[in-house]
Amino acid sequence: MDFGVTLQTNPPASRVVELTRRAEELGFGYAWTFDSHILWQEPYVIHSQMLSATERIMVGPFVTNPVSRDPSVTASTFATLNDTFGNRTICGIGRGDSVVRVLGRKPTTLRQLEEAMHVIKELAEGREVDYSGVKVSIPWVSDGKLDVWMAGYGPKALSLVGRKADGFILQLADPVI
C-alpha cells in the first residue's frame, strides 16, 4: 500500500521541499500540495524544487481545477515537469471549490471537469486532442505519462471518478490534529 503526505505551500517554500525529501526517506510514495493560488504560494514552482530534491516520490496538486487554470496550460506544466524529472508527477483535480470561491466564482461543472481531465491527460502524454473545437497537441512530448486522480463526493462525481479517473482522492481530516 502506498501512502502520501499533503503539504500546504506556506512560506518558506524550502520547508515544503525539506518535508518532501524527508517523506521520501520515510517511504512515502506521494507528496501533494494544495493549489489555491490566492491562499498559498504557487504550487508548480515549488513542485519543481520538490522533484529536484528527491528521486522517487510522485508530486502533484491536491487538487488543481479547470476554472483558475486552463487545461492546456496545466497539461504543458505537467509535461514539462515530467520531461525534466522523469514522469514523477500526478494530477489531482477537482471542481475548484476553495480557490474559485475566494475569487467569487463558481466551481466547474462535472461535464467541464470530465473534459478537462481528458485534455490534460491526452496532451501531457503527447497525444492530439480536440480542445474547444481545435485539434491541438504538445509536439515536444515524447514519453509522457500522467495519471489523473479526481477528488469528489456525491453519486455523480463518484461515477465520474469510476469511469474516467486513474485514481480517487478522498480528503479526510482528524479533528483532533
C-alpha atoms as a PDB file:
ATOM      1  CA  MET A   1       0.000   0.000   0.000  1.00  0.00           C
ATOM      2  CA  ASP A   2       1.258   3.475  -0.894  1.00  0.00           C
ATOM      3  CA  PHE A   3       0.954   6.474   1.387  1.00  0.00           C
ATOM      4  CA  GLY A   4       1.170  10.161   0.658  1.00  0.00           C
ATOM      5  CA  VAL A   5       1.640  13.377   2.545  1.00  0.00           C
ATOM      6  CA  THR A   6      -0.209  16.628   1.833  1.00  0.00           C
ATOM      7  CA  LEU A   7       1.612  19.888   2.470  1.00  0.00           C
ATOM      8  CA  GLN A   8       0.453  23.488   2.462  1.00  0.00           C
ATOM      9  CA  THR A   9       2.673  25.723   0.380  1.00  0.00           C
ATOM     10  CA  ASN A  10       3.090  28.321   3.092  1.00  0.00           C
ATOM     11  CA  PRO A  11       6.360  30.277   3.133  1.00  0.00           C
ATOM     12  CA  PRO A  12       9.089  29.353   3.257  1.00  0.00           C
ATOM     13  CA  ALA A  13       8.928  27.041   0.257  1.00  0.00           C
ATOM     14  CA  SER A  14      12.206  25.492   1.371  1.00  0.00           C
ATOM     15  CA  ARG A  15      10.334  23.916   4.299  1.00  0.00           C
ATOM     16  CA  VAL A  16       7.913  22.172   1.912  1.00  0.00           C
ATOM     17  CA  VAL A  17      10.879  20.905  -0.113  1.00  0.00           C
ATOM     18  CA  GLU A  18      12.605  19.597   3.026  1.00  0.00           C
ATOM     19  CA  LEU A  19       9.424  17.865   4.247  1.00  0.00           C
ATOM     20  CA  THR A  20       9.059  16.204   0.837  1.00  0.00           C
ATOM     21  CA  ARG A  21      12.651  14.969   0.951  1.00  0.00           C
ATOM     22  CA  ARG A  22      12.031  13.591   4.444  1.00  0.00           C
ATOM     23  CA  ALA A  23       8.758  11.951   3.361  1.00  0.00           C
ATOM     24  CA  GLU A  24      10.626  10.137   0.589  1.00  0.00           C
ATOM     25  CA  GLU A  25      13.262   8.964   3.084  1.00  0.00           C
ATOM     26  CA  LEU A  26      10.456   7.563   5.261  1.00  0.00           C
ATOM     27  CA  GLY A  27       8.954   5.634   2.341  1.00  0.00           C
ATOM     28  CA  PHE A  28       6.047   7.833   1.309  1.00  0.00           C
ATOM     29  CA  GLY A  29       5.089   7.405  -2.334  1.00  0.00           C
ATOM     30  CA  TYR A  30       3.319  10.710  -2.889  1.00  0.00           C
ATOM     31  CA  ALA A  31       3.734  14.349  -1.903  1.00  0.00           C
ATOM     32  CA  TRP A  32       0.742  16.559  -2.580  1.00  0.00           C
ATOM     33  CA  THR A  33       0.291  20.305  -2.195  1.00  0.00           C
ATOM     34  CA  PHE A  34      -2.803  22.460  -2.242  1.00  0.00           C
ATOM     35  CA  ASP A  35      -3.469  24.504  -5.392  1.00  0.00           C
ATOM     36  CA  SER A  36      -5.221  27.679  -4.289  1.00  0.00           C
ATOM     37  CA  HIS A  37      -3.019  30.459  -5.615  1.00  0.00           C
ATOM     38  CA  ILE A  38      -4.674  33.174  -3.532  1.00  0.00           C
ATOM     39  CA  LEU A  39      -4.446  31.208  -0.278  1.00  0.00           C
ATOM     40  CA  TRP A  40      -0.944  29.714  -0.639  1.00  0.00           C
ATOM     41  CA  GLN A  41       2.209  30.036  -2.727  1.00  0.00           C
ATOM     42  CA  GLU A  42       2.240  28.843  -6.344  1.00  0.00           C
ATOM     43  CA  PRO A  43       2.486  25.034  -6.178  1.00  0.00           C
ATOM     44  CA  TYR A  44       4.094  24.214  -9.521  1.00  0.00           C
ATOM     45  CA  VAL A  45       7.127  26.380  -8.841  1.00  0.00           C
ATOM     46  CA  ILE A  46       7.538  24.540  -5.544  1.00  0.00           C
ATOM     47  CA  HIS A  47       6.865  21.184  -7.260  1.00  0.00           C
ATOM     48  CA  SER A  48       9.945  21.719  -9.423  1.00  0.00           C
ATOM     49  CA  GLN A  49      12.044  22.112  -6.289  1.00  0.00           C
ATOM     50  CA  MET A  50      10.379  19.120  -4.588  1.00  0.00           C
ATOM     51  CA  LEU A  51      11.166  16.959  -7.614  1.00  0.00           C
ATOM     52  CA  SER A  52      14.716  18.267  -7.838  1.00  0.00           C
ATOM     53  CA  ALA A  53      15.371  17.377  -4.183  1.00  0.00           C
ATOM     54  CA  THR A  54      14.031  13.804  -4.467  1.00  0.00           C
ATOM     55  CA  GLU A  55      14.453  10.717  -6.643  1.00  0.00           C
ATOM     56  CA  ARG A  56      11.288   8.605  -6.468  1.00  0.00           C
ATOM     57  CA  ILE A  57       8.351  10.340  -4.813  1.00  0.00           C
ATOM     58  CA  MET A  58       5.413  11.349  -7.021  1.00  0.00           C
ATOM     59  CA  VAL A  59       4.435  15.017  -6.737  1.00  0.00           C
ATOM     60  CA  GLY A  60       1.197  16.777  -7.595  1.00  0.00           C
ATOM     61  CA  PRO A  61      -1.568  19.178  -6.628  1.00  0.00           C
ATOM     62  CA  PHE A  62      -4.289  18.245  -4.158  1.00  0.00           C
ATOM     63  CA  VAL A  63      -6.182  19.486  -6.199  1.00  0.00           C
ATOM     64  CA  THR A  64      -5.990  21.700  -9.253  1.00  0.00           C
ATOM     65  CA  ASN A  65      -9.052  22.780 -11.219  1.00  0.00           C
ATOM     66  CA  PRO A  66     -10.038  23.829 -14.755  1.00  0.00           C
ATOM     67  CA  VAL A  67     -11.504  27.181 -13.678  1.00  0.00           C
ATOM     68  CA  SER A  68      -8.413  29.019 -12.470  1.00  0.00           C
ATOM     69  CA  ARG A  69      -6.030  27.016 -14.695  1.00  0.00           C
ATOM     70  CA  ASP A  70      -6.636  26.394 -18.377  1.00  0.00           C
ATOM     71  CA  PRO A  71      -6.352  22.625 -19.042  1.00  0.00           C
ATOM     72  CA  SER A  72      -3.866  23.119 -21.899  1.00  0.00           C
ATOM     73  CA  VAL A  73      -1.569  25.152 -19.631  1.00  0.00           C
ATOM     74  CA  THR A  74      -1.936  22.546 -16.882  1.00  0.00           C
ATOM     75  CA  ALA A  75      -1.033  19.788 -19.355  1.00  0.00           C
ATOM     76  CA  SER A  76       2.044  21.670 -20.539  1.00  0.00           C
ATOM     77  CA  THR A  77       3.129  22.267 -16.947  1.00  0.00           C
ATOM     78  CA  PHE A  78       2.921  18.561 -16.125  1.00  0.00           C
ATOM     79  CA  ALA A  79       4.606  17.600 -19.399  1.00  0.00           C
ATOM     80  CA  THR A  80       7.476  19.987 -18.669  1.00  0.00           C
ATOM     81  CA  LEU A  81       7.941  18.702 -15.120  1.00  0.00           C
ATOM     82  CA  ASN A  82       7.789  15.098 -16.343  1.00  0.00           C
ATOM     83  CA  ASP A  83      10.264  15.756 -19.146  1.00  0.00           C
ATOM     84  CA  THR A  84      12.630  17.348 -16.640  1.00  0.00           C
ATOM     85  CA  PHE A  85      12.203  14.908 -13.742  1.00  0.00           C
ATOM     86  CA  GLY A  86      11.209  11.603 -15.346  1.00  0.00           C
ATOM     87  CA  ASN A  87       7.421  11.202 -15.212  1.00  0.00           C
ATOM     88  CA  ARG A  88       7.112  11.760 -11.464  1.00  0.00           C
ATOM     89  CA  THR A  89       4.048  13.981 -11.404  1.00  0.00           C
ATOM     90  CA  ILE A  90       0.442  13.145 -10.804  1.00  0.00           C
ATOM     91  CA  CYS A  91      -2.527  15.375 -11.493  1.00  0.00           C
ATOM     92  CA  GLY A  92      -5.025  15.663  -8.678  1.00  0.00           C
ATOM     93  CA  ILE A  93      -8.040  17.580  -9.974  1.00  0.00           C
ATOM     94  CA  GLY A  94     -11.439  18.658  -8.741  1.00  0.00           C
ATOM     95  CA  ARG A  95     -14.147  21.272  -9.236  1.00  0.00           C
ATOM     96  CA  GLY A  96     -12.092  24.068  -7.661  1.00  0.00           C
ATOM     97  CA  ASP A  97     -14.143  24.918  -4.614  1.00  0.00           C
ATOM     98  CA  SER A  98     -11.566  26.674  -2.422  1.00  0.00           C
ATOM     99  CA  VAL A  99      -9.760  28.788  -4.987  1.00  0.00           C
ATOM    100  CA  VAL A 100     -12.681  29.844  -7.129  1.00  0.00           C
ATOM    101  CA  ARG A 101     -14.929  30.722  -4.206  1.00  0.00           C
ATOM    102  CA  VAL A 102     -12.168  33.016  -2.878  1.00  0.00           C
ATOM    103  CA  LEU A 103     -12.304  34.736  -6.278  1.00  0.00           C
ATOM    104  CA  GLY A 104     -16.094  34.983  -6.153  1.00  0.00           C
ATOM    105  CA  ARG A 105     -16.555  32.451  -8.954  1.00  0.00           C
ATOM    106  CA  LYS A 106     -18.383  29.138  -9.165  1.00  0.00           C
ATOM    107  CA  PRO A 107     -16.673  25.746  -9.330  1.00  0.00           C
ATOM    108  CA  THR A 108     -16.694  23.940 -12.653  1.00  0.00           C
ATOM    109  CA  THR A 109     -19.415  21.511 -13.651  1.00  0.00           C
ATOM    110  CA  LEU A 110     -18.748  17.782 -13.723  1.00  0.00           C
ATOM    111  CA  ARG A 111     -19.049  17.838 -17.517  1.00  0.00           C
ATOM    112  CA  GLN A 112     -16.354  20.535 -17.738  1.00  0.00           C
ATOM    113  CA  LEU A 113     -14.226  18.616 -15.246  1.00  0.00           C
ATOM    114  CA  GLU A 114     -14.506  15.447 -17.337  1.00  0.00           C
ATOM    115  CA  GLU A 115     -13.395  17.320 -20.463  1.00  0.00           C
ATOM    116  CA  ALA A 116     -10.508  18.947 -18.591  1.00  0.00           C
ATOM    117  CA  MET A 117      -9.306  15.582 -17.263  1.00  0.00           C
ATOM    118  CA  HIS A 118      -9.307  14.189 -20.799  1.00  0.00           C
ATOM    119  CA  VAL A 119      -7.498  17.198 -22.296  1.00  0.00           C
ATOM    120  CA  ILE A 120      -4.844  17.307 -19.568  1.00  0.00           C
ATOM    121  CA  LYS A 121      -4.037  13.595 -19.752  1.00  0.00           C
ATOM    122  CA  GLU A 122      -4.005  13.377 -23.543  1.00  0.00           C
ATOM    123  CA  LEU A 123      -1.847  16.471 -24.066  1.00  0.00           C
ATOM    124  CA  ALA A 124       0.558  15.636 -21.230  1.00  0.00           C
ATOM    125  CA  GLU A 125       1.064  12.161 -22.693  1.00  0.00           C
ATOM    126  CA  GLY A 126       1.764  13.550 -26.171  1.00  0.00           C
ATOM    127  CA  ARG A 127      -1.499  12.782 -27.936  1.00  0.00           C
ATOM    128  CA  GLU A 128      -3.592  15.094 -30.072  1.00  0.00           C
ATOM    129  CA  VAL A 129      -6.900  16.183 -28.622  1.00  0.00           C
ATOM    130  CA  ASP A 130      -9.891  18.222 -29.720  1.00  0.00           C
ATOM    131  CA  TYR A 131      -9.922  21.199 -27.361  1.00  0.00           C
ATOM    132  CA  SER A 132     -12.791  23.639 -27.799  1.00  0.00           C
ATOM    133  CA  GLY A 133     -13.174  22.574 -31.418  1.00  0.00           C
ATOM    134  CA  VAL A 134      -9.472  22.835 -32.286  1.00  0.00           C
ATOM    135  CA  LYS A 135      -7.091  19.903 -32.756  1.00  0.00           C
ATOM    136  CA  VAL A 136      -4.049  20.537 -30.558  1.00  0.00           C
ATOM    137  CA  SER A 137      -1.032  18.615 -29.319  1.00  0.00           C
ATOM    138  CA  ILE A 138       2.191  19.339 -27.480  1.00  0.00           C
ATOM    139  CA  PRO A 139       4.720  18.336 -30.158  1.00  0.00           C
ATOM    140  CA  TRP A 140       7.776  18.020 -27.923  1.00  0.00           C
ATOM    141  CA  VAL A 141       6.250  15.391 -25.600  1.00  0.00           C
ATOM    142  CA  SER A 142       7.799  12.033 -26.482  1.00  0.00           C
ATOM    143  CA  ASP A 143       7.423   9.732 -23.478  1.00  0.00           C
ATOM    144  CA  GLY A 144       4.878  11.455 -21.246  1.00  0.00           C
ATOM    145  CA  LYS A 145       2.961   9.601 -18.554  1.00  0.00           C
ATOM    146  CA  LEU A 146       0.399  11.292 -16.324  1.00  0.00           C
ATOM    147  CA  ASP A 147      -2.167   9.709 -14.062  1.00  0.00           C
ATOM    148  CA  VAL A 148      -5.151  11.929 -13.309  1.00  0.00           C
ATOM    149  CA  TRP A 149      -6.789  11.401  -9.931  1.00  0.00           C
ATOM    150  CA  MET A 150     -10.082  13.091  -9.196  1.00  0.00           C
ATOM    151  CA  ALA A 151     -11.395  14.474  -5.934  1.00  0.00           C
ATOM    152  CA  GLY A 152     -15.125  14.436  -5.457  1.00  0.00           C
ATOM    153  CA  TYR A 153     -18.102  13.376  -3.451  1.00  0.00           C
ATOM    154  CA  GLY A 154     -21.707  12.640  -4.261  1.00  0.00           C
ATOM    155  CA  PRO A 155     -23.028   9.964  -6.603  1.00  0.00           C
ATOM    156  CA  LYS A 156     -22.480  11.824  -9.903  1.00  0.00           C
ATOM    157  CA  ALA A 157     -18.909  12.821  -9.058  1.00  0.00           C
ATOM    158  CA  LEU A 158     -18.067   9.336  -7.814  1.00  0.00           C
ATOM    159  CA  SER A 159     -19.491   7.866 -11.012  1.00  0.00           C
ATOM    160  CA  LEU A 160     -17.177  10.154 -12.992  1.00  0.00           C
ATOM    161  CA  VAL A 161     -14.224   9.040 -10.853  1.00  0.00           C
ATOM    162  CA  GLY A 162     -15.024   5.401 -11.606  1.00  0.00           C
ATOM    163  CA  ARG A 163     -15.494   5.978 -15.326  1.00  0.00           C
ATOM    164  CA  LYS A 164     -12.674   8.378 -16.175  1.00  0.00           C
ATOM    165  CA  ALA A 165     -10.099   8.919 -13.417  1.00  0.00           C
ATOM    166  CA  ASP A 166      -6.935   6.915 -12.809  1.00  0.00           C
ATOM    167  CA  GLY A 167      -7.413   7.293  -9.056  1.00  0.00           C
ATOM    168  CA  PHE A 168      -9.610   8.824  -6.373  1.00  0.00           C
ATOM    169  CA  ILE A 169      -8.726  11.491  -3.838  1.00  0.00           C
ATOM    170  CA  LEU A 170     -10.725  11.286  -0.636  1.00  0.00           C
ATOM    171  CA  GLN A 171      -9.935  14.158   1.664  1.00  0.00           C
ATOM    172  CA  LEU A 172     -10.469  13.384   5.323  1.00  0.00           C
ATOM    173  CA  ALA A 173      -9.089  15.063   8.387  1.00  0.00           C
ATOM    174  CA  ASP A 174      -8.836  14.075  12.009  1.00  0.00           C
ATOM    175  CA  PRO A 175     -10.483  16.876  14.010  1.00  0.00           C
ATOM    176  CA  VAL A 176      -8.006  16.280  16.855  1.00  0.00           C
ATOM    177  CA  ILE A 177      -4.958  17.099  14.712  1.00  0.00           C
END
